[in-house]
């Protein structure tokens, strides 16, 4: 008689969310370094009424972890190869560029939404890098655990 393993759905959800959080934090670190070089981290801090670089980093990494967790829950199980991880991750990064950088952040800060200026273009690149790293990390963890 062979033993079979049964994974509870809640365990799978937690595993996928955790993998996404890890990927989100790695991607967020890289994106944050890009933003730091462009002096954009204080703008992130403005979301919580500060202009502190340290606060900006905390807010940015919290957002990165949240976006990573949702990626893990929604798409993490599809990131089974590096190619699918990068593809889904990059697309997810673009989605969050629209939702966050073009809509939510400017609306919260009293700025025009859908303003496609140079800053928005740089932000798009950063979100794509973030997403690609997020998807890559999740795919690598998925491959390691199979």
N, C-alpha and C. Protein backbone atom coordinates (compact mmCIF):
# COMPACT_ATOMS: atom_id res chain seq x y z
N UNK A 1 0.85 -1.16 0.00
CA UNK A 1 0.00 0.00 0.00
C UNK A 1 0.90 1.23 0.00
N UNK A 2 0.64 2.18 -0.89
CA UNK A 2 1.45 3.38 -0.96
C UNK A 2 0.72 4.53 -0.28
N UNK A 3 1.49 5.37 0.33
CA UNK A 3 0.91 6.53 1.00
C UNK A 3 0.76 7.66 -0.03
N UNK A 4 -0.32 8.36 0.07
CA UNK A 4 -0.53 9.52 -0.79
C UNK A 4 -0.56 10.75 0.09
N UNK A 5 -0.07 11.84 -0.46
CA UNK A 5 -0.12 13.08 0.30
C UNK A 5 -1.26 13.92 -0.23
N UNK A 6 -1.90 14.57 0.69
CA UNK A 6 -3.02 15.44 0.34
C UNK A 6 -2.73 16.82 0.91
N UNK A 7 -2.70 17.80 0.05
CA UNK A 7 -2.44 19.16 0.49
C UNK A 7 -3.77 19.88 0.64
N UNK A 8 -3.98 20.43 1.81
CA UNK A 8 -5.19 21.19 2.06
C UNK A 8 -5.18 22.46 1.21
N UNK A 9 -6.34 22.87 0.69
CA UNK A 9 -6.38 24.10 -0.11
C UNK A 9 -5.83 25.31 0.63
N UNK A 10 -6.09 25.42 1.94
CA UNK A 10 -5.60 26.57 2.68
C UNK A 10 -4.06 26.56 2.75
N UNK A 11 -3.46 25.37 2.83
CA UNK A 11 -2.00 25.26 2.82
C UNK A 11 -1.44 25.70 1.48
N UNK A 12 -2.08 25.29 0.41
CA UNK A 12 -1.64 25.68 -0.93
C UNK A 12 -1.74 27.19 -1.10
N UNK A 13 -2.82 27.80 -0.64
CA UNK A 13 -2.98 29.25 -0.74
C UNK A 13 -1.88 29.96 0.05
N UNK A 14 -1.62 29.48 1.26
CA UNK A 14 -0.57 30.09 2.07
C UNK A 14 0.79 29.93 1.42
N UNK A 15 1.07 28.76 0.86
CA UNK A 15 2.33 28.53 0.16
C UNK A 15 2.47 29.47 -1.03
N UNK A 16 1.42 29.58 -1.84
CA UNK A 16 1.47 30.47 -3.01
C UNK A 16 1.64 31.92 -2.59
N UNK A 17 0.93 32.34 -1.55
CA UNK A 17 1.06 33.72 -1.08
C UNK A 17 2.47 33.98 -0.55
N UNK A 18 3.02 33.03 0.19
CA UNK A 18 4.37 33.18 0.74
C UNK A 18 5.41 33.27 -0.37
N UNK A 19 5.29 32.42 -1.37
CA UNK A 19 6.20 32.49 -2.52
C UNK A 19 6.10 33.84 -3.21
N UNK A 20 4.88 34.34 -3.35
CA UNK A 20 4.69 35.65 -3.95
C UNK A 20 5.28 36.77 -3.11
N UNK A 21 5.14 36.68 -1.80
CA UNK A 21 5.72 37.70 -0.93
C UNK A 21 7.24 37.73 -1.07
N UNK A 22 7.85 36.56 -1.11
CA UNK A 22 9.30 36.50 -1.29
C UNK A 22 9.69 37.14 -2.62
N UNK A 23 9.00 36.76 -3.69
CA UNK A 23 9.28 37.35 -5.00
C UNK A 23 9.02 38.85 -5.01
N UNK A 24 7.94 39.27 -4.36
CA UNK A 24 7.61 40.69 -4.31
C UNK A 24 8.66 41.50 -3.57
N UNK A 25 9.20 40.95 -2.50
CA UNK A 25 10.24 41.67 -1.75
C UNK A 25 11.55 41.73 -2.53
N UNK A 26 11.90 40.65 -3.23
CA UNK A 26 13.12 40.69 -4.06
C UNK A 26 12.93 41.70 -5.20
N UNK A 27 11.80 41.62 -5.90
CA UNK A 27 11.52 42.57 -6.96
C UNK A 27 11.41 43.99 -6.43
N UNK A 28 10.78 44.14 -5.26
CA UNK A 28 10.64 45.46 -4.65
C UNK A 28 11.97 46.07 -4.27
N UNK A 29 12.90 45.25 -3.82
CA UNK A 29 14.23 45.75 -3.49
C UNK A 29 14.91 46.32 -4.75
N UNK A 30 14.84 45.57 -5.84
CA UNK A 30 15.47 46.04 -7.09
C UNK A 30 14.77 47.30 -7.62
N UNK A 31 13.44 47.29 -7.63
CA UNK A 31 12.68 48.45 -8.10
C UNK A 31 12.95 49.64 -7.18
N UNK A 32 13.02 49.39 -5.88
CA UNK A 32 13.28 50.45 -4.93
C UNK A 32 14.65 51.09 -5.15
N UNK A 33 15.65 50.28 -5.47
CA UNK A 33 16.97 50.85 -5.78
C UNK A 33 16.91 51.74 -7.01
N UNK A 34 16.13 51.33 -8.01
CA UNK A 34 15.95 52.17 -9.20
C UNK A 34 15.28 53.49 -8.80
N UNK A 35 14.23 53.39 -7.97
CA UNK A 35 13.53 54.60 -7.54
C UNK A 35 14.42 55.48 -6.67
N UNK A 36 15.26 54.87 -5.86
CA UNK A 36 16.18 55.62 -5.02
C UNK A 36 17.13 56.45 -5.89
N UNK A 37 17.63 55.85 -6.97
CA UNK A 37 18.54 56.57 -7.87
C UNK A 37 17.84 57.73 -8.57
N UNK A 38 16.52 57.62 -8.76
CA UNK A 38 15.76 58.68 -9.42
C UNK A 38 15.10 59.62 -8.41
N UNK A 39 15.44 59.47 -7.12
CA UNK A 39 14.91 60.30 -6.04
C UNK A 39 13.38 60.26 -5.98
N UNK A 40 12.81 59.07 -6.19
CA UNK A 40 11.35 58.91 -6.17
C UNK A 40 10.82 58.31 -4.87
N UNK A 41 11.69 57.80 -4.01
CA UNK A 41 11.24 57.18 -2.76
C UNK A 41 10.49 58.17 -1.86
N UNK A 42 10.93 59.43 -1.75
CA UNK A 42 10.15 60.36 -0.91
C UNK A 42 8.70 60.53 -1.40
N UNK A 43 8.47 60.41 -2.70
CA UNK A 43 7.10 60.51 -3.22
C UNK A 43 6.26 59.35 -2.72
N UNK A 44 6.84 58.17 -2.60
CA UNK A 44 6.13 57.01 -2.06
C UNK A 44 5.76 57.29 -0.60
N UNK A 45 6.68 57.90 0.14
CA UNK A 45 6.42 58.24 1.54
C UNK A 45 5.25 59.21 1.66
N UNK A 46 5.05 60.04 0.66
CA UNK A 46 3.95 61.01 0.69
C UNK A 46 2.59 60.31 0.75
N UNK A 47 2.52 59.06 0.35
CA UNK A 47 1.26 58.32 0.44
C UNK A 47 0.77 58.20 1.87
N UNK A 48 1.69 58.28 2.84
CA UNK A 48 1.32 58.21 4.25
C UNK A 48 1.68 59.49 4.99
N UNK A 49 1.80 60.59 4.26
CA UNK A 49 2.01 61.90 4.87
C UNK A 49 3.42 62.20 5.32
N UNK A 50 4.40 61.58 4.70
CA UNK A 50 5.80 61.80 5.06
C UNK A 50 6.59 62.06 3.79
N UNK A 51 7.81 62.53 3.96
CA UNK A 51 8.74 62.63 2.84
C UNK A 51 10.06 61.93 3.17
N UNK A 52 10.04 61.15 4.24
CA UNK A 52 11.23 60.44 4.70
C UNK A 52 11.58 59.30 3.75
N UNK A 53 12.85 59.18 3.45
CA UNK A 53 13.32 58.08 2.60
C UNK A 53 13.06 56.74 3.30
N UNK A 54 13.31 56.68 4.60
CA UNK A 54 13.08 55.43 5.34
C UNK A 54 11.61 55.04 5.31
N UNK A 55 10.73 55.99 5.50
CA UNK A 55 9.28 55.71 5.44
C UNK A 55 8.91 55.29 4.02
N UNK A 56 9.47 55.95 3.03
CA UNK A 56 9.21 55.59 1.64
C UNK A 56 9.59 54.15 1.35
N UNK A 57 10.74 53.72 1.86
CA UNK A 57 11.17 52.33 1.68
C UNK A 57 10.21 51.37 2.36
N UNK A 58 9.79 51.68 3.58
CA UNK A 58 8.85 50.80 4.29
C UNK A 58 7.54 50.68 3.53
N UNK A 59 7.01 51.80 3.06
CA UNK A 59 5.75 51.77 2.31
C UNK A 59 5.94 50.99 1.01
N UNK A 60 7.04 51.27 0.31
CA UNK A 60 7.32 50.59 -0.96
C UNK A 60 7.42 49.07 -0.77
N UNK A 61 8.15 48.64 0.26
CA UNK A 61 8.30 47.20 0.47
C UNK A 61 7.00 46.55 0.94
N UNK A 62 6.20 47.27 1.71
CA UNK A 62 4.88 46.74 2.10
C UNK A 62 4.00 46.55 0.87
N UNK A 63 4.00 47.54 -0.01
CA UNK A 63 3.23 47.42 -1.26
C UNK A 63 3.77 46.27 -2.10
N UNK A 64 5.09 46.16 -2.18
CA UNK A 64 5.71 45.08 -2.96
C UNK A 64 5.31 43.71 -2.43
N UNK A 65 5.29 43.57 -1.10
CA UNK A 65 4.89 42.30 -0.50
C UNK A 65 3.42 42.00 -0.80
N UNK A 66 2.56 43.02 -0.72
CA UNK A 66 1.14 42.82 -1.03
C UNK A 66 0.95 42.40 -2.48
N UNK A 67 1.60 43.11 -3.39
CA UNK A 67 1.48 42.78 -4.82
C UNK A 67 2.04 41.38 -5.07
N UNK A 68 3.14 41.05 -4.41
CA UNK A 68 3.70 39.71 -4.55
C UNK A 68 2.74 38.64 -4.04
N UNK A 69 2.12 38.89 -2.89
CA UNK A 69 1.17 37.92 -2.34
C UNK A 69 0.00 37.70 -3.29
N UNK A 70 -0.53 38.78 -3.85
CA UNK A 70 -1.67 38.62 -4.76
C UNK A 70 -1.24 37.92 -6.04
N UNK A 71 -0.01 38.18 -6.51
CA UNK A 71 0.50 37.45 -7.66
C UNK A 71 0.57 35.96 -7.34
N UNK A 72 1.13 35.65 -6.17
CA UNK A 72 1.24 34.25 -5.77
C UNK A 72 -0.11 33.56 -5.72
N UNK A 73 -1.11 34.25 -5.18
CA UNK A 73 -2.45 33.67 -5.07
C UNK A 73 -3.13 33.52 -6.43
N UNK A 74 -2.99 34.53 -7.27
CA UNK A 74 -3.71 34.53 -8.55
C UNK A 74 -2.97 33.79 -9.67
N UNK A 75 -1.67 33.93 -9.72
CA UNK A 75 -0.91 33.42 -10.86
C UNK A 75 0.28 32.55 -10.49
N UNK A 76 0.59 32.48 -9.22
CA UNK A 76 1.80 31.77 -8.80
C UNK A 76 1.88 30.34 -9.26
N UNK A 77 0.78 29.62 -9.25
CA UNK A 77 0.81 28.22 -9.67
C UNK A 77 1.01 28.07 -11.18
N UNK A 78 0.83 29.14 -11.93
CA UNK A 78 1.06 29.10 -13.38
C UNK A 78 2.52 29.39 -13.74
N UNK A 79 3.27 29.92 -12.78
CA UNK A 79 4.68 30.25 -13.02
C UNK A 79 5.50 28.98 -12.82
N UNK A 80 5.46 28.10 -13.79
CA UNK A 80 6.11 26.79 -13.67
C UNK A 80 7.45 26.74 -14.39
N UNK A 81 7.71 27.69 -15.27
CA UNK A 81 9.01 27.79 -15.95
C UNK A 81 9.46 29.24 -15.85
N UNK A 82 10.73 29.47 -16.14
CA UNK A 82 11.21 30.86 -16.12
C UNK A 82 10.45 31.72 -17.11
N UNK A 83 10.16 31.16 -18.28
CA UNK A 83 9.46 31.93 -19.30
C UNK A 83 8.05 32.33 -18.84
N UNK A 84 7.31 31.38 -18.28
CA UNK A 84 5.96 31.73 -17.82
C UNK A 84 6.03 32.67 -16.62
N UNK A 85 7.01 32.46 -15.74
CA UNK A 85 7.16 33.35 -14.60
C UNK A 85 7.44 34.78 -15.03
N UNK A 86 8.39 34.94 -15.95
CA UNK A 86 8.73 36.27 -16.44
C UNK A 86 7.54 36.88 -17.18
N UNK A 87 6.86 36.10 -18.01
CA UNK A 87 5.72 36.61 -18.77
C UNK A 87 4.58 37.07 -17.88
N UNK A 88 4.14 36.18 -16.99
CA UNK A 88 3.05 36.55 -16.08
C UNK A 88 3.47 37.69 -15.15
N UNK A 89 4.70 37.63 -14.66
CA UNK A 89 5.18 38.66 -13.75
C UNK A 89 5.25 40.03 -14.42
N UNK A 90 5.78 40.07 -15.63
CA UNK A 90 5.88 41.35 -16.35
C UNK A 90 4.49 41.91 -16.63
N UNK A 91 3.58 41.06 -17.07
CA UNK A 91 2.20 41.53 -17.32
C UNK A 91 1.57 42.04 -16.03
N UNK A 92 1.82 41.35 -14.92
CA UNK A 92 1.27 41.77 -13.63
C UNK A 92 1.88 43.10 -13.18
N UNK A 93 3.16 43.28 -13.46
CA UNK A 93 3.82 44.55 -13.16
C UNK A 93 3.21 45.69 -13.95
N UNK A 94 2.89 45.45 -15.21
CA UNK A 94 2.25 46.48 -16.04
C UNK A 94 0.87 46.80 -15.50
N UNK A 95 0.11 45.77 -15.12
CA UNK A 95 -1.21 46.00 -14.52
C UNK A 95 -1.09 46.92 -13.30
N UNK A 96 -0.12 46.65 -12.42
CA UNK A 96 0.04 47.46 -11.22
C UNK A 96 0.60 48.84 -11.53
N UNK A 97 1.32 49.00 -12.63
CA UNK A 97 1.74 50.33 -13.06
C UNK A 97 0.49 51.16 -13.35
N UNK A 98 -0.46 50.59 -14.07
CA UNK A 98 -1.71 51.31 -14.38
C UNK A 98 -2.48 51.60 -13.10
N UNK A 99 -2.70 50.55 -12.29
CA UNK A 99 -3.51 50.71 -11.08
C UNK A 99 -2.85 51.63 -10.05
N UNK A 100 -1.54 51.47 -9.86
CA UNK A 100 -0.85 52.21 -8.82
C UNK A 100 -0.28 53.54 -9.28
N UNK A 101 0.61 53.48 -10.27
CA UNK A 101 1.34 54.68 -10.68
C UNK A 101 0.50 55.65 -11.51
N UNK A 102 -0.44 55.13 -12.28
CA UNK A 102 -1.24 56.02 -13.13
C UNK A 102 -2.58 56.42 -12.50
N UNK A 103 -3.09 55.62 -11.56
CA UNK A 103 -4.40 55.92 -10.97
C UNK A 103 -4.31 56.23 -9.48
N UNK A 104 -3.98 55.22 -8.66
CA UNK A 104 -4.10 55.36 -7.21
C UNK A 104 -3.15 56.40 -6.62
N UNK A 105 -1.87 56.31 -6.95
CA UNK A 105 -0.90 57.22 -6.36
C UNK A 105 -1.17 58.68 -6.73
N UNK A 106 -1.34 58.99 -8.01
CA UNK A 106 -1.61 60.40 -8.32
C UNK A 106 -2.94 60.89 -7.73
N UNK A 107 -3.94 60.03 -7.70
CA UNK A 107 -5.22 60.44 -7.12
C UNK A 107 -5.05 60.74 -5.63
N UNK A 108 -4.31 59.91 -4.92
CA UNK A 108 -4.07 60.10 -3.48
C UNK A 108 -3.28 61.37 -3.22
N UNK A 109 -2.36 61.72 -4.13
CA UNK A 109 -1.50 62.89 -3.94
C UNK A 109 -2.03 64.15 -4.60
N UNK A 110 -3.25 64.09 -5.15
CA UNK A 110 -3.85 65.27 -5.78
C UNK A 110 -3.21 65.66 -7.09
N UNK A 111 -2.67 64.67 -7.79
CA UNK A 111 -2.03 64.91 -9.08
C UNK A 111 -2.93 64.36 -10.18
N UNK A 112 -2.70 64.75 -11.43
CA UNK A 112 -3.53 64.22 -12.52
C UNK A 112 -3.29 62.72 -12.74
N UNK A 113 -4.38 61.97 -12.93
CA UNK A 113 -4.26 60.54 -13.23
C UNK A 113 -3.98 60.36 -14.71
N UNK A 114 -3.42 59.23 -15.07
CA UNK A 114 -3.06 58.87 -16.44
C UNK A 114 -2.16 59.91 -17.10
N UNK A 115 -1.27 60.50 -16.31
CA UNK A 115 -0.32 61.47 -16.83
C UNK A 115 0.90 60.71 -17.35
N UNK A 116 1.04 60.61 -18.66
CA UNK A 116 2.10 59.80 -19.27
C UNK A 116 3.33 60.65 -19.57
N UNK A 117 3.97 61.14 -18.51
CA UNK A 117 5.17 61.94 -18.66
C UNK A 117 6.42 61.06 -18.51
N UNK A 118 7.57 61.69 -18.44
CA UNK A 118 8.83 60.94 -18.32
C UNK A 118 8.86 60.10 -17.05
N UNK A 119 8.35 60.64 -15.96
CA UNK A 119 8.32 59.89 -14.69
C UNK A 119 7.48 58.64 -14.85
N UNK A 120 6.34 58.74 -15.52
CA UNK A 120 5.47 57.58 -15.73
C UNK A 120 6.17 56.54 -16.61
N UNK A 121 6.92 56.98 -17.58
CA UNK A 121 7.64 56.05 -18.44
C UNK A 121 8.72 55.30 -17.66
N UNK A 122 9.43 56.02 -16.81
CA UNK A 122 10.44 55.38 -15.96
C UNK A 122 9.77 54.40 -14.99
N UNK A 123 8.62 54.81 -14.49
CA UNK A 123 7.87 53.96 -13.57
C UNK A 123 7.42 52.68 -14.28
N UNK A 124 7.01 52.79 -15.53
CA UNK A 124 6.62 51.60 -16.29
C UNK A 124 7.79 50.63 -16.37
N UNK A 125 8.96 51.13 -16.69
CA UNK A 125 10.14 50.27 -16.76
C UNK A 125 10.39 49.61 -15.40
N UNK A 126 10.30 50.37 -14.34
CA UNK A 126 10.50 49.82 -13.00
C UNK A 126 9.49 48.76 -12.65
N UNK A 127 8.22 48.99 -13.00
CA UNK A 127 7.18 48.00 -12.72
C UNK A 127 7.39 46.73 -13.55
N UNK A 128 7.88 46.88 -14.77
CA UNK A 128 8.16 45.70 -15.59
C UNK A 128 9.32 44.90 -15.01
N UNK A 129 10.37 45.58 -14.56
CA UNK A 129 11.50 44.90 -13.92
C UNK A 129 11.02 44.21 -12.65
N UNK A 130 10.25 44.94 -11.84
CA UNK A 130 9.69 44.36 -10.62
C UNK A 130 8.92 43.07 -10.94
N UNK A 131 8.02 43.15 -11.91
CA UNK A 131 7.20 41.99 -12.26
C UNK A 131 8.01 40.83 -12.79
N UNK A 132 8.99 41.13 -13.62
CA UNK A 132 9.83 40.06 -14.17
C UNK A 132 10.60 39.36 -13.05
N UNK A 133 11.12 40.13 -12.11
CA UNK A 133 11.84 39.52 -10.98
C UNK A 133 10.87 38.74 -10.11
N UNK A 134 9.72 39.32 -9.81
CA UNK A 134 8.70 38.63 -9.02
C UNK A 134 8.37 37.27 -9.64
N UNK A 135 8.06 37.25 -10.93
CA UNK A 135 7.70 36.01 -11.61
C UNK A 135 8.85 35.03 -11.66
N UNK A 136 10.07 35.53 -11.84
CA UNK A 136 11.24 34.66 -11.87
C UNK A 136 11.45 33.98 -10.53
N UNK A 137 11.37 34.75 -9.45
CA UNK A 137 11.58 34.18 -8.12
C UNK A 137 10.51 33.13 -7.82
N UNK A 138 9.25 33.44 -8.11
CA UNK A 138 8.18 32.48 -7.86
C UNK A 138 8.40 31.21 -8.69
N UNK A 139 8.76 31.37 -9.95
CA UNK A 139 9.01 30.19 -10.80
C UNK A 139 10.18 29.36 -10.27
N UNK A 140 11.23 30.02 -9.82
CA UNK A 140 12.38 29.28 -9.28
C UNK A 140 12.01 28.52 -8.02
N UNK A 141 11.23 29.13 -7.15
CA UNK A 141 10.78 28.44 -5.94
C UNK A 141 9.86 27.27 -6.32
N UNK A 142 8.95 27.50 -7.26
CA UNK A 142 8.06 26.44 -7.72
C UNK A 142 8.86 25.26 -8.28
N UNK A 143 9.86 25.54 -9.09
CA UNK A 143 10.68 24.47 -9.69
C UNK A 143 11.47 23.73 -8.64
N UNK A 144 11.97 24.46 -7.64
CA UNK A 144 12.75 23.83 -6.58
C UNK A 144 11.90 22.86 -5.78
N UNK A 145 10.64 23.19 -5.59
CA UNK A 145 9.76 22.39 -4.74
C UNK A 145 8.98 21.31 -5.46
N UNK A 146 9.24 21.12 -6.75
CA UNK A 146 8.52 20.05 -7.47
C UNK A 146 9.41 18.86 -7.71
